[in-house]
C-alpha atoms as a PDB file:
ATOM      1  CA  UNK A   1     -19.490  21.662   5.580  1.00  0.00           C
ATOM      2  CA  UNK A   2     -19.767  24.947   7.499  1.00  0.00           C
ATOM      3  CA  UNK A   3     -15.964  25.330   7.552  1.00  0.00           C
ATOM      4  CA  UNK A   4     -15.818  24.638   3.807  1.00  0.00           C
ATOM      5  CA  UNK A   5     -18.379  27.366   3.164  1.00  0.00           C
ATOM      6  CA  UNK A   6     -16.570  29.840   5.372  1.00  0.00           C
ATOM      7  CA  UNK A   7     -13.249  29.162   3.648  1.00  0.00           C
ATOM      8  CA  UNK A   8     -14.892  29.482   0.218  1.00  0.00           C
ATOM      9  CA  UNK A   9     -16.380  32.884   1.128  1.00  0.00           C
ATOM     10  CA  UNK A  10     -13.011  33.975   2.475  1.00  0.00           C
ATOM     11  CA  UNK A  11     -11.355  33.063  -0.813  1.00  0.00           C
ATOM     12  CA  UNK A  12     -13.919  34.833  -3.013  1.00  0.00           C
ATOM     13  CA  UNK A  13     -14.325  38.086  -1.055  1.00  0.00           C
ATOM     14  CA  UNK A  14     -11.160  39.805  -2.250  1.00  0.00           C
ATOM     15  CA  UNK A  15     -11.996  38.948  -5.882  1.00  0.00           C
ATOM     16  CA  UNK A  16     -15.555  40.231  -5.579  1.00  0.00           C
ATOM     17  CA  UNK A  17     -14.320  43.461  -3.970  1.00  0.00           C
ATOM     18  CA  UNK A  18     -11.819  44.034  -6.734  1.00  0.00           C
ATOM     19  CA  UNK A  19     -14.460  43.238  -9.336  1.00  0.00           C
ATOM     20  CA  UNK A  20     -16.817  45.923  -8.006  1.00  0.00           C
ATOM     21  CA  UNK A  21     -14.110  48.548  -8.314  1.00  0.00           C
ATOM     22  CA  UNK A  22     -13.084  47.404 -11.812  1.00  0.00           C
ATOM     23  CA  UNK A  23     -16.618  47.325 -13.230  1.00  0.00           C
ATOM     24  CA  UNK A  24     -18.251  50.307 -11.530  1.00  0.00           C
ATOM     25  CA  UNK A  25     -17.508  52.792 -14.326  1.00  0.00           C
ATOM     26  CA  UNK A  26     -17.597  50.486 -17.338  1.00  0.00           C
ATOM     27  CA  UNK A  27     -20.213  50.499 -20.117  1.00  0.00           C
ATOM     28  CA  UNK A  28     -21.104  48.330 -23.047  1.00  0.00           C
ATOM     29  CA  UNK A  29     -19.035  49.030 -26.155  1.00  0.00           C
ATOM     30  CA  UNK A  30     -16.351  51.149 -24.468  1.00  0.00           C
ATOM     31  CA  UNK A  31     -13.414  48.780 -24.180  1.00  0.00           C
ATOM     32  CA  UNK A  32     -10.297  48.117 -26.238  1.00  0.00           C
ATOM     33  CA  UNK A  33      -8.477  44.820 -26.612  1.00  0.00           C
ATOM     34  CA  UNK A  34     -11.434  42.737 -27.658  1.00  0.00           C
ATOM     35  CA  UNK A  35      -9.069  40.050 -28.964  1.00  0.00           C
ATOM     36  CA  UNK A  36      -8.228  39.302 -25.351  1.00  0.00           C
ATOM     37  CA  UNK A  37     -11.690  37.742 -25.019  1.00  0.00           C
ATOM     38  CA  UNK A  38     -10.982  35.002 -27.616  1.00  0.00           C
ATOM     39  CA  UNK A  39     -10.544  31.819 -25.577  1.00  0.00           C
ATOM     40  CA  UNK A  40      -7.427  29.930 -26.731  1.00  0.00           C
ATOM     41  CA  UNK A  41      -7.968  26.313 -25.662  1.00  0.00           C
ATOM     42  CA  UNK A  42      -9.699  24.043 -28.152  1.00  0.00           C
ATOM     43  CA  UNK A  43     -10.422  21.587 -25.335  1.00  0.00           C
ATOM     44  CA  UNK A  44     -12.068  24.157 -23.050  1.00  0.00           C
ATOM     45  CA  UNK A  45     -13.819  25.885 -25.947  1.00  0.00           C
ATOM     46  CA  UNK A  46     -15.552  22.567 -26.781  1.00  0.00           C
ATOM     47  CA  UNK A  47     -16.723  22.492 -23.147  1.00  0.00           C
ATOM     48  CA  UNK A  48     -18.549  25.794 -23.542  1.00  0.00           C
ATOM     49  CA  UNK A  49     -15.489  27.849 -22.581  1.00  0.00           C
ATOM     50  CA  UNK A  50     -16.191  27.082 -18.927  1.00  0.00           C
ATOM     51  CA  UNK A  51     -12.554  26.820 -17.896  1.00  0.00           C
ATOM     52  CA  UNK A  52     -12.061  28.565 -14.570  1.00  0.00           C
ATOM     53  CA  UNK A  53     -11.748  25.259 -12.639  1.00  0.00           C
ATOM     54  CA  UNK A  54      -9.659  23.296 -15.186  1.00  0.00           C
ATOM     55  CA  UNK A  55      -5.954  23.034 -14.395  1.00  0.00           C
ATOM     56  CA  UNK A  56      -4.305  20.160 -16.276  1.00  0.00           C
ATOM     57  CA  UNK A  57      -3.087  22.046 -19.350  1.00  0.00           C
ATOM     58  CA  UNK A  58      -1.020  25.198 -19.811  1.00  0.00           C
ATOM     59  CA  UNK A  59      -3.860  27.079 -21.546  1.00  0.00           C
ATOM     60  CA  UNK A  60      -5.833  26.860 -18.291  1.00  0.00           C
ATOM     61  CA  UNK A  61      -3.822  29.861 -17.144  1.00  0.00           C
ATOM     62  CA  UNK A  62      -5.820  32.039 -19.537  1.00  0.00           C
ATOM     63  CA  UNK A  63      -9.019  31.314 -17.651  1.00  0.00           C
ATOM     64  CA  UNK A  64      -7.495  31.200 -14.180  1.00  0.00           C
ATOM     65  CA  UNK A  65      -3.773  31.747 -13.420  1.00  0.00           C
ATOM     66  CA  UNK A  66      -4.210  29.755 -10.203  1.00  0.00           C
ATOM     67  CA  UNK A  67      -4.324  26.633 -12.406  1.00  0.00           C
ATOM     68  CA  UNK A  68      -0.526  26.927 -12.681  1.00  0.00           C
ATOM     69  CA  UNK A  69      -0.242  26.017  -9.028  1.00  0.00           C
ATOM     70  CA  UNK A  70      -2.013  22.710  -9.667  1.00  0.00           C
ATOM     71  CA  UNK A  71      -0.066  21.700 -12.770  1.00  0.00           C
ATOM     72  CA  UNK A  72       1.593  18.280 -12.300  1.00  0.00           C
ATOM     73  CA  UNK A  73       3.843  18.610 -15.399  1.00  0.00           C
ATOM     74  CA  UNK A  74       5.457  21.156 -17.664  1.00  0.00           C
ATOM     75  CA  UNK A  75       3.416  21.801 -20.802  1.00  0.00           C
ATOM     76  CA  UNK A  76       3.685  23.516 -24.200  1.00  0.00           C
ATOM     77  CA  UNK A  77       0.635  24.307 -26.317  1.00  0.00           C
ATOM     78  CA  UNK A  78      -0.101  26.004 -29.626  1.00  0.00           C
ATOM     79  CA  UNK A  79      -3.557  26.963 -30.885  1.00  0.00           C
ATOM     80  CA  UNK A  80      -4.576  28.121 -34.350  1.00  0.00           C
ATOM     81  CA  UNK A  81      -7.986  29.334 -35.474  1.00  0.00           C
ATOM     82  CA  UNK A  82      -9.376  30.830 -38.629  1.00  0.00           C
ATOM     83  CA  UNK A  83     -11.442  33.425 -36.805  1.00  0.00           C
ATOM     84  CA  UNK A  84     -14.440  35.336 -38.090  1.00  0.00           C
ATOM     85  CA  UNK A  85     -14.081  36.824 -41.625  1.00  0.00           C
ATOM     86  CA  UNK A  86     -10.862  34.831 -42.120  1.00  0.00           C
ATOM     87  CA  UNK A  87      -8.881  36.638 -39.434  1.00  0.00           C
ATOM     88  CA  UNK A  88      -5.933  34.520 -38.222  1.00  0.00           C
ATOM     89  CA  UNK A  89      -5.746  33.814 -34.486  1.00  0.00           C
ATOM     90  CA  UNK A  90      -2.707  32.145 -32.933  1.00  0.00           C
ATOM     91  CA  UNK A  91      -1.866  31.442 -29.323  1.00  0.00           C
ATOM     92  CA  UNK A  92       1.191  29.772 -27.799  1.00  0.00           C
ATOM     93  CA  UNK A  93       1.973  29.090 -24.148  1.00  0.00           C
ATOM     94  CA  UNK A  94       4.708  27.275 -22.312  1.00  0.00           C
ATOM     95  CA  UNK A  95       4.440  26.432 -18.621  1.00  0.00           C
ATOM     96  CA  UNK A  96       7.411  25.186 -16.586  1.00  0.00           C
ATOM     97  CA  UNK A  97       6.974  23.428 -13.291  1.00  0.00           C
ATOM     98  CA  UNK A  98       9.606  25.010 -11.044  1.00  0.00           C
ATOM     99  CA  UNK A  99       8.679  23.114  -7.854  1.00  0.00           C
ATOM    100  CA  UNK A 100       6.181  20.564  -6.569  1.00  0.00           C
ATOM    101  CA  UNK A 101       3.725  23.385  -5.881  1.00  0.00           C
ATOM    102  CA  UNK A 102       4.353  26.117  -8.452  1.00  0.00           C
ATOM    103  CA  UNK A 103       4.745  26.826 -12.179  1.00  0.00           C
ATOM    104  CA  UNK A 104       5.740  29.734 -14.427  1.00  0.00           C
ATOM    105  CA  UNK A 105       4.174  30.419 -17.801  1.00  0.00           C
ATOM    106  CA  UNK A 106       4.908  32.532 -20.843  1.00  0.00           C
ATOM    107  CA  UNK A 107       2.165  33.136 -23.451  1.00  0.00           C
ATOM    108  CA  UNK A 108       1.877  34.984 -26.771  1.00  0.00           C
ATOM    109  CA  UNK A 109      -1.391  35.861 -28.487  1.00  0.00           C
ATOM    110  CA  UNK A 110      -1.613  37.136 -32.056  1.00  0.00           C
ATOM    111  CA  UNK A 111      -4.605  38.282 -34.123  1.00  0.00           C
ATOM    112  CA  UNK A 112      -3.975  39.450 -37.682  1.00  0.00           C
ATOM    113  CA  UNK A 113      -6.380  40.568 -40.374  1.00  0.00           C
ATOM    114  CA  UNK A 114      -4.016  40.144 -43.305  1.00  0.00           C
ATOM    115  CA  UNK A 115      -3.908  42.843 -45.981  1.00  0.00           C
ATOM    116  CA  UNK A 116      -7.072  44.831 -46.606  1.00  0.00           C
ATOM    117  CA  UNK A 117      -7.664  47.250 -49.495  1.00  0.00           C
ATOM    118  CA  UNK A 118      -7.978  50.906 -48.607  1.00  0.00           C
ATOM    119  CA  UNK A 119     -11.302  52.266 -49.867  1.00  0.00           C
ATOM    120  CA  UNK A 120     -12.686  55.772 -49.683  1.00  0.00           C
ATOM    121  CA  UNK A 121     -15.924  57.480 -50.675  1.00  0.00           C
ATOM    122  CA  UNK A 122     -14.206  58.930 -53.723  1.00  0.00           C
ATOM    123  CA  UNK A 123     -12.504  55.615 -54.579  1.00  0.00           C
ATOM    124  CA  UNK A 124     -14.822  52.805 -53.473  1.00  0.00           C
ATOM    125  CA  UNK A 125     -12.947  50.229 -55.569  1.00  0.00           C
ATOM    126  CA  UNK A 126      -9.717  50.975 -53.728  1.00  0.00           C
ATOM    127  CA  UNK A 127      -6.891  53.492 -53.720  1.00  0.00           C
ATOM    128  CA  UNK A 128      -4.220  50.916 -54.480  1.00  0.00           C
ATOM    129  CA  UNK A 129      -3.008  51.040 -50.858  1.00  0.00           C
ATOM    130  CA  UNK A 130      -3.346  48.167 -48.418  1.00  0.00           C
ATOM    131  CA  UNK A 131      -3.400  48.104 -44.642  1.00  0.00           C
ATOM    132  CA  UNK A 132      -3.427  45.558 -41.843  1.00  0.00           C
ATOM    133  CA  UNK A 133      -4.864  45.252 -38.341  1.00  0.00           C
ATOM    134  CA  UNK A 134      -2.799  43.317 -35.845  1.00  0.00           C
ATOM    135  CA  UNK A 135      -3.161  42.645 -32.113  1.00  0.00           C
ATOM    136  CA  UNK A 136      -0.538  41.143 -29.855  1.00  0.00           C
ATOM    137  CA  UNK A 137      -0.395  40.208 -26.187  1.00  0.00           C
ATOM    138  CA  UNK A 138       2.572  38.818 -24.268  1.00  0.00           C
ATOM    139  CA  UNK A 139       1.910  37.398 -20.822  1.00  0.00           C
ATOM    140  CA  UNK A 140       3.993  36.094 -17.917  1.00  0.00           C
ATOM    141  CA  UNK A 141       2.204  34.126 -15.234  1.00  0.00           C
ATOM    142  CA  UNK A 142       2.899  32.416 -11.970  1.00  0.00           C
ATOM    143  CA  UNK A 143       0.787  30.031  -9.881  1.00  0.00           C
ATOM    144  CA  UNK A 144       1.419  28.683  -6.387  1.00  0.00           C
ATOM    145  CA  UNK A 145      -0.353  25.883  -4.514  1.00  0.00           C
ATOM    146  CA  UNK A 146      -0.577  27.255  -0.976  1.00  0.00           C
ATOM    147  CA  UNK A 147      -2.137  24.185   0.574  1.00  0.00           C
ATOM    148  CA  UNK A 148      -2.937  20.729  -0.792  1.00  0.00           C
ATOM    149  CA  UNK A 149      -6.321  22.102  -1.946  1.00  0.00           C
ATOM    150  CA  UNK A 150      -5.896  25.823  -2.495  1.00  0.00           C
ATOM    151  CA  UNK A 151      -3.866  27.705  -5.087  1.00  0.00           C
ATOM    152  CA  UNK A 152      -3.527  31.307  -6.279  1.00  0.00           C
ATOM    153  CA  UNK A 153      -1.904  32.859  -9.302  1.00  0.00           C
ATOM    154  CA  UNK A 154      -1.445  35.960 -11.439  1.00  0.00           C
ATOM    155  CA  UNK A 155      -0.440  36.922 -14.966  1.00  0.00           C
ATOM    156  CA  UNK A 156       0.899  40.243 -16.244  1.00  0.00           C
ATOM    157  CA  UNK A 157       0.134  41.092 -19.889  1.00  0.00           C
ATOM    158  CA  UNK A 158       1.590  43.578 -22.338  1.00  0.00           C
ATOM    159  CA  UNK A 159      -0.988  44.442 -25.013  1.00  0.00           C
ATOM    160  CA  UNK A 160      -0.553  46.185 -28.355  1.00  0.00           C
ATOM    161  CA  UNK A 161      -3.119  46.972 -31.035  1.00  0.00           C
ATOM    162  CA  UNK A 162      -2.106  48.333 -34.415  1.00  0.00           C
ATOM    163  CA  UNK A 163      -4.323  49.653 -37.225  1.00  0.00           C
ATOM    164  CA  UNK A 164      -2.181  50.632 -40.229  1.00  0.00           C
ATOM    165  CA  UNK A 165       0.100  53.399 -38.934  1.00  0.00           C
ATOM    166  CA  UNK A 166      -1.591  53.955 -35.564  1.00  0.00           C
ATOM    167  CA  UNK A 167      -1.329  51.885 -32.381  1.00  0.00           C
ATOM    168  CA  UNK A 168      -1.931  51.705 -28.693  1.00  0.00           C
ATOM    169  CA  UNK A 169      -0.275  49.852 -25.809  1.00  0.00           C
ATOM    170  CA  UNK A 170      -1.621  48.818 -22.434  1.00  0.00           C
ATOM    171  CA  UNK A 171      -0.827  46.578 -19.487  1.00  0.00           C
ATOM    172  CA  UNK A 172      -3.222  44.175 -17.781  1.00  0.00           C
ATOM    173  CA  UNK A 173      -3.209  41.791 -14.851  1.00  0.00           C
ATOM    174  CA  UNK A 174      -5.113  38.539 -14.424  1.00  0.00           C
ATOM    175  CA  UNK A 175      -5.370  36.899 -11.034  1.00  0.00           C
ATOM    176  CA  UNK A 176      -7.400  34.087  -9.562  1.00  0.00           C
ATOM    177  CA  UNK A 177      -7.874  31.371  -6.995  1.00  0.00           C
ATOM    178  CA  UNK A 178      -8.709  27.675  -7.238  1.00  0.00           C
ATOM    179  CA  UNK A 179      -9.997  25.587  -4.351  1.00  0.00           C
ATOM    180  CA  UNK A 180     -10.667  21.849  -4.193  1.00  0.00           C
ATOM    181  CA  UNK A 181     -13.831  21.492  -2.158  1.00  0.00           C
ATOM    182  CA  UNK A 182     -13.825  17.705  -1.659  1.00  0.00           C
ATOM    183  CA  UNK A 183     -11.471  14.759  -1.863  1.00  0.00           C
ATOM    184  CA  UNK A 184     -13.205  13.419  -4.977  1.00  0.00           C
ATOM    185  CA  UNK A 185     -12.020  16.391  -7.034  1.00  0.00           C
ATOM    186  CA  UNK A 186     -14.868  18.914  -6.827  1.00  0.00           C
ATOM    187  CA  UNK A 187     -13.387  22.351  -7.659  1.00  0.00           C
ATOM    188  CA  UNK A 188     -14.400  25.939  -7.098  1.00  0.00           C
ATOM    189  CA  UNK A 189     -12.538  28.699  -8.951  1.00  0.00           C
ATOM    190  CA  UNK A 190     -12.683  32.438  -9.473  1.00  0.00           C
ATOM    191  CA  UNK A 191     -10.641  34.886 -11.527  1.00  0.00           C
ATOM    192  CA  UNK A 192     -10.442  38.441 -12.832  1.00  0.00           C
ATOM    193  CA  UNK A 193      -8.946  39.042 -16.252  1.00  0.00           C
ATOM    194  CA  UNK A 194      -7.671  42.202 -17.958  1.00  0.00           C
ATOM    195  CA  UNK A 195      -7.629  44.523 -14.924  1.00  0.00           C
ATOM    196  CA  UNK A 196      -5.265  47.205 -16.200  1.00  0.00           C
ATOM    197  CA  UNK A 197      -4.446  50.559 -17.737  1.00  0.00           C
ATOM    198  CA  UNK A 198      -6.491  52.696 -20.062  1.00  0.00           C
ATOM    199  CA  UNK A 199      -5.089  53.467 -23.512  1.00  0.00           C
ATOM    200  CA  UNK A 200      -5.756  55.446 -26.657  1.00  0.00           C
ATOM    201  CA  UNK A 201      -4.564  55.317 -30.240  1.00  0.00           C
ATOM    202  CA  UNK A 202      -1.742  57.481 -31.537  1.00  0.00           C
ATOM    203  CA  UNK A 203       0.146  57.631 -34.829  1.00  0.00           C
ATOM    204  CA  UNK A 204       0.364  59.360 -38.144  1.00  0.00           C
ATOM    205  CA  UNK A 205      -3.067  58.174 -39.324  1.00  0.00           C
ATOM    206  CA  UNK A 206      -4.569  60.716 -36.869  1.00  0.00           C
ATOM    207  CA  UNK A 207      -2.764  63.623 -38.569  1.00  0.00           C
ATOM    208  CA  UNK A 208      -5.044  65.442 -40.975  1.00  0.00           C
ATOM    209  CA  UNK A 209      -5.268  68.600 -43.066  1.00  0.00           C
ATOM    210  CA  UNK A 210      -7.974  70.925 -41.648  1.00  0.00           C
ATOM    211  CA  UNK A 211      -9.897  73.783 -43.205  1.00  0.00           C
ATOM    212  CA  UNK A 212     -10.816  76.135 -40.363  1.00  0.00           C
ATOM    213  CA  UNK A 213     -13.542  77.828 -42.360  1.00  0.00           C
ATOM    214  CA  UNK A 214     -14.717  75.975 -45.434  1.00  0.00           C
ATOM    215  CA  UNK A 215     -16.943  78.898 -46.460  1.00  0.00           C
ATOM    216  CA  UNK A 216     -14.064  81.343 -46.657  1.00  0.00           C
ATOM    217  CA  UNK A 217     -11.800  81.728 -49.676  1.00  0.00           C
ATOM    218  CA  UNK A 218      -8.219  82.951 -49.580  1.00  0.00           C
ATOM    219  CA  UNK A 219      -7.334  81.523 -46.173  1.00  0.00           C
ATOM    220  CA  UNK A 220      -5.183  78.447 -45.480  1.00  0.00           C
ATOM    221  CA  UNK A 221      -7.469  75.494 -46.228  1.00  0.00           C
ATOM    222  CA  UNK A 222      -4.867  72.914 -45.421  1.00  0.00           C
ATOM    223  CA  UNK A 223      -3.776  73.499 -41.814  1.00  0.00           C
ATOM    224  CA  UNK A 224      -1.811  70.565 -40.244  1.00  0.00           C
ATOM    225  CA  UNK A 225      -3.904  69.130 -37.414  1.00  0.00           C
ATOM    226  CA  UNK A 226      -4.310  66.001 -35.356  1.00  0.00           C
ATOM    227  CA  UNK A 227      -7.512  64.200 -34.385  1.00  0.00           C
ATOM    228  CA  UNK A 228      -8.206  63.824 -30.675  1.00  0.00           C
ATOM    229  CA  UNK A 229      -9.153  60.326 -29.471  1.00  0.00           C
ATOM    230  CA  UNK A 230     -10.452  59.135 -26.097  1.00  0.00           C
ATOM    231  CA  UNK A 231      -8.890  56.639 -23.744  1.00  0.00           C
ATOM    232  CA  UNK A 232     -10.667  53.341 -23.108  1.00  0.00           C
ATOM    233  CA  UNK A 233     -10.205  50.541 -20.639  1.00  0.00           C
ATOM    234  CA  UNK A 234      -9.553  46.861 -21.206  1.00  0.00           C
ATOM    235  CA  UNK A 235     -12.481  44.402 -21.158  1.00  0.00           C
ATOM    236  CA  UNK A 236     -12.469  43.241 -17.532  1.00  0.00           C
ATOM    237  CA  UNK A 237     -14.030  39.803 -16.977  1.00  0.00           C
ATOM    238  CA  UNK A 238     -14.896  38.221 -13.659  1.00  0.00           C
ATOM    239  CA  UNK A 239     -15.366  34.449 -13.723  1.00  0.00           C
ATOM    240  CA  UNK A 240     -16.551  32.089 -11.008  1.00  0.00           C
ATOM    241  CA  UNK A 241     -17.040  28.428 -11.710  1.00  0.00           C
ATOM    242  CA  UNK A 242     -17.649  24.920 -10.488  1.00  0.00           C
ATOM    243  CA  UNK A 243     -16.124  21.701 -11.776  1.00  0.00           C
ATOM    244  CA  UNK A 244     -16.735  18.086 -10.824  1.00  0.00           C
ATOM    245  CA  UNK A 245     -15.169  14.913 -12.243  1.00  0.00           C
ATOM    246  CA  UNK A 246     -17.476  11.851 -12.128  1.00  0.00           C
ATOM    247  CA  UNK A 247     -15.301   8.687 -12.135  1.00  0.00           C
ATOM    248  CA  UNK A 248     -17.181   5.611 -13.208  1.00  0.00           C
ATOM    249  CA  UNK A 249     -13.982   3.541 -13.361  1.00  0.00           C
ATOM    250  CA  UNK A 250     -10.373   3.983 -14.492  1.00  0.00           C
ATOM    251  CA  UNK A 251     -11.411   3.961 -18.147  1.00  0.00           C
ATOM    252  CA  UNK A 252     -14.501   6.157 -17.998  1.00  0.00           C
ATOM    253  CA  UNK A 253     -14.522   9.678 -16.545  1.00  0.00           C
ATOM    254  CA  UNK A 254     -17.043  12.473 -17.034  1.00  0.00           C
ATOM    255  CA  UNK A 255     -15.955  16.024 -16.199  1.00  0.00           C
ATOM    256  CA  UNK A 256     -18.744  18.567 -15.761  1.00  0.00           C
ATOM    257  CA  UNK A 257     -18.044  22.345 -15.593  1.00  0.00           C
ATOM    258  CA  UNK A 258     -20.174  25.469 -15.109  1.00  0.00           C
ATOM    259  CA  UNK A 259     -18.913  29.057 -15.217  1.00  0.00           C
ATOM    260  CA  UNK A 260     -20.671  32.382 -14.525  1.00  0.00           C
ATOM    261  CA  UNK A 261     -19.369  35.544 -16.234  1.00  0.00           C
ATOM    262  CA  UNK A 262     -19.610  39.195 -15.226  1.00  0.00           C
ATOM    263  CA  UNK A 263     -17.897  41.280 -17.972  1.00  0.00           C
ATOM    264  CA  UNK A 264     -17.373  45.037 -17.959  1.00  0.00           C
ATOM    265  CA  UNK A 265     -18.642  45.457 -21.496  1.00  0.00           C
ATOM    266  CA  UNK A 266     -21.597  43.089 -21.710  1.00  0.00           C
ATOM    267  CA  UNK A 267     -24.329  41.462 -19.684  1.00  0.00           C
ATOM    268  CA  UNK A 268     -23.882  38.556 -17.277  1.00  0.00           C
ATOM    269  CA  UNK A 269     -24.055  35.008 -18.591  1.00  0.00           C
ATOM    270  CA  UNK A 270     -23.525  31.335 -17.739  1.00  0.00           C
ATOM    271  CA  UNK A 271     -21.582  28.752 -19.723  1.00  0.00           C
ATOM    272  CA  UNK A 272     -21.589  25.012 -19.142  1.00  0.00           C
ATOM    273  CA  UNK A 273     -20.073  21.915 -20.660  1.00  0.00           C
ATOM    274  CA  UNK A 274     -18.687  18.441 -20.153  1.00  0.00           C
ATOM    275  CA  UNK A 275     -15.945  16.122 -21.234  1.00  0.00           C
ATOM    276  CA  UNK A 276     -16.169  12.331 -21.476  1.00  0.00           C
ATOM    277  CA  UNK A 277     -12.746  10.691 -21.311  1.00  0.00           C
ATOM    278  CA  UNK A 278     -12.306   7.050 -22.354  1.00  0.00           C
ATOM    279  CA  UNK A 279      -9.180   5.055 -21.434  1.00  0.00           C
ATOM    280  CA  UNK A 280      -7.379   8.354 -20.676  1.00  0.00           C
ATOM    281  CA  UNK A 281      -6.883   8.601 -24.451  1.00  0.00           C
ATOM    282  CA  UNK A 282     -10.050   9.650 -26.297  1.00  0.00           C
ATOM    283  CA  UNK A 283     -12.269  12.568 -25.323  1.00  0.00           C
ATOM    284  CA  UNK A 284     -15.651  13.795 -26.530  1.00  0.00           C
ATOM    285  CA  UNK A 285     -16.810  17.254 -25.451  1.00  0.00           C
ATOM    286  CA  UNK A 286     -19.829  19.487 -25.680  1.00  0.00           C
ATOM    287  CA  UNK A 287     -21.226  22.612 -24.150  1.00  0.00           C
ATOM    288  CA  UNK A 288     -23.177  25.841 -24.478  1.00  0.00           C
ATOM    289  CA  UNK A 289     -21.714  29.260 -23.938  1.00  0.00           C
ATOM    290  CA  UNK A 290     -23.101  32.571 -22.710  1.00  0.00           C
ATOM    291  CA  UNK A 291     -26.565  31.541 -21.679  1.00  0.00           C
ATOM    292  CA  UNK A 292     -28.635  34.551 -20.519  1.00  0.00           C
ATOM    293  CA  UNK A 293     -26.325  37.038 -22.273  1.00  0.00           C
ATOM    294  CA  UNK A 294     -28.360  39.821 -23.921  1.00  0.00           C
ATOM    295  CA  UNK A 295     -28.332  39.627 -27.754  1.00  0.00           C
ATOM    296  CA  UNK A 296     -25.782  36.807 -27.654  1.00  0.00           C
ATOM    297  CA  UNK A 297     -24.591  35.310 -30.949  1.00  0.00           C
ATOM    298  CA  UNK A 298     -22.794  32.465 -29.161  1.00  0.00           C
ATOM    299  CA  UNK A 299     -24.187  29.066 -28.407  1.00  0.00           C
ATOM    300  CA  UNK A 300     -23.404  25.397 -29.028  1.00  0.00           C
ATOM    301  CA  UNK A 301     -19.855  24.058 -28.829  1.00  0.00           C
ATOM    302  CA  UNK A 302     -18.585  20.559 -29.614  1.00  0.00           C
ATOM    303  CA  UNK A 303     -15.206  18.939 -29.994  1.00  0.00           C
ATOM    304  CA  UNK A 304     -12.951  15.974 -29.466  1.00  0.00           C
ATOM    305  CA  UNK A 305      -9.420  15.186 -28.415  1.00  0.00           C
ATOM    306  CA  UNK A 306      -6.807  12.425 -28.315  1.00  0.00           C
ATOM    307  CA  UNK A 307      -3.870  11.885 -25.981  1.00  0.00           C
ATOM    308  CA  UNK A 308      -0.856   9.735 -26.896  1.00  0.00           C
ATOM    309  CA  UNK A 309       1.718   8.728 -24.331  1.00  0.00           C
ATOM    310  CA  UNK A 310       5.270   8.428 -25.598  1.00  0.00           C
ATOM    311  CA  UNK A 311       7.358   8.369 -22.453  1.00  0.00           C
ATOM    312  CA  UNK A 312       8.471  10.777 -21.097  1.00  0.00           C
ATOM    313  CA  UNK A 313       6.124  12.892 -23.270  1.00  0.00           C
ATOM    314  CA  UNK A 314       2.359  13.110 -23.431  1.00  0.00           C
ATOM    315  CA  UNK A 315       1.162  14.465 -26.786  1.00  0.00           C
ATOM    316  CA  UNK A 316      -2.395  15.779 -26.994  1.00  0.00           C
ATOM    317  CA  UNK A 317      -4.397  17.143 -29.910  1.00  0.00           C
ATOM    318  CA  UNK A 318      -7.774  18.873 -29.485  1.00  0.00           C
ATOM    319  CA  UNK A 319     -10.379  20.240 -31.878  1.00  0.00           C
ATOM    320  CA  UNK A 320     -13.349  22.522 -31.177  1.00  0.00           C
ATOM    321  CA  UNK A 321     -16.229  23.917 -33.201  1.00  0.00           C
ATOM    322  CA  UNK A 322     -18.252  26.860 -31.880  1.00  0.00           C
ATOM    323  CA  UNK A 323     -21.394  28.495 -33.211  1.00  0.00           C
ATOM    324  CA  UNK A 324     -21.426  32.292 -33.542  1.00  0.00           C
ATOM    325  CA  UNK A 325     -24.942  32.774 -34.881  1.00  0.00           C
ATOM    326  CA  UNK A 326     -25.176  35.212 -37.798  1.00  0.00           C
ATOM    327  CA  UNK A 327     -21.446  35.735 -37.646  1.00  0.00           C
ATOM    328  CA  UNK A 328     -20.762  32.155 -38.699  1.00  0.00           C
ATOM    329  CA  UNK A 329     -18.822  29.348 -37.045  1.00  0.00           C
ATOM    330  CA  UNK A 330     -15.262  29.110 -35.774  1.00  0.00           C
ATOM    331  CA  UNK A 331     -12.900  26.193 -35.351  1.00  0.00           C
ATOM    332  CA  UNK A 332      -9.866  25.802 -33.127  1.00  0.00           C
ATOM    333  CA  UNK A 333      -6.973  23.345 -33.243  1.00  0.00           C
ATOM    334  CA  UNK A 334      -4.663  22.857 -30.264  1.00  0.00           C
ATOM    335  CA  UNK A 335      -1.487  20.789 -30.199  1.00  0.00           C
ATOM    336  CA  UNK A 336       0.297  20.267 -26.895  1.00  0.00           C
ATOM    337  CA  UNK A 337       3.158  18.316 -25.320  1.00  0.00           C
ATOM    338  CA  UNK A 338       3.433  17.638 -21.624  1.00  0.00           C
ATOM    339  CA  UNK A 339       6.624  16.326 -19.967  1.00  0.00           C
END
């Protein structure tokens, strides 16, 4: 047990060191790319979004890229959610097993507001113009199982946010480790997400007409000018978690997971959940997310899933419901095919 603890500390030290650098200058409410914090997997969402130790679906790479090193198959998944205030959220990922110990993954995330009426103080009912807000992230990940119990992985993301005619771009990196503590499947995982560049908005919406002295007549009251905007960092998240499958028999398995979060733009929290799998086909899930987070609007999560084997394919469909307090509820649907 002493050797296990030493190896675990050795695995986590580099991640903790990197986390301290990434979070040292961050403050609440000063990050861009908030859509990157929307968890894509309906299955893991139903388990309280405690996914840092889960590794048997492509979407696991979002929570911990090291999961790609443990993948036993190739997998394709698509998630759709009607997010808060009817915003459309879509996520697609394809992972390809390139060897017995490694996998590559490509993911695309999209968040779109749809058309919104432009309103001003002078025209509160609308100007007749319409604008959209859209966010996109494209990621490429790789995971490698280094030993029979330990894997590591990373993912590089290109991020773009657009508000009408203005936009920003940034690059982020996710990396993590996953370690199987015992032969019965007990897992310990850790990851850092969205460690990357700072960015600021630019575009024609920032160009304005400026009156240098509004109290003076006869001067140029319509000078071309441009608003100055600050740079902000991405929302860095450090996760560390524990997972343990309890096998009653071949037809009844209970998977328990617990994750701790240390974000750069919020307070620390703990999420937990579980999945009961019957006959390797039907799954019931429940959890609670962001316990101890200050002023949290998150809470209970529930969901279900079904797997259907049609050799050589394994088709799985998952559903999740999550409470968001005064903001309302959200639902996610994930369809996947493993082969």
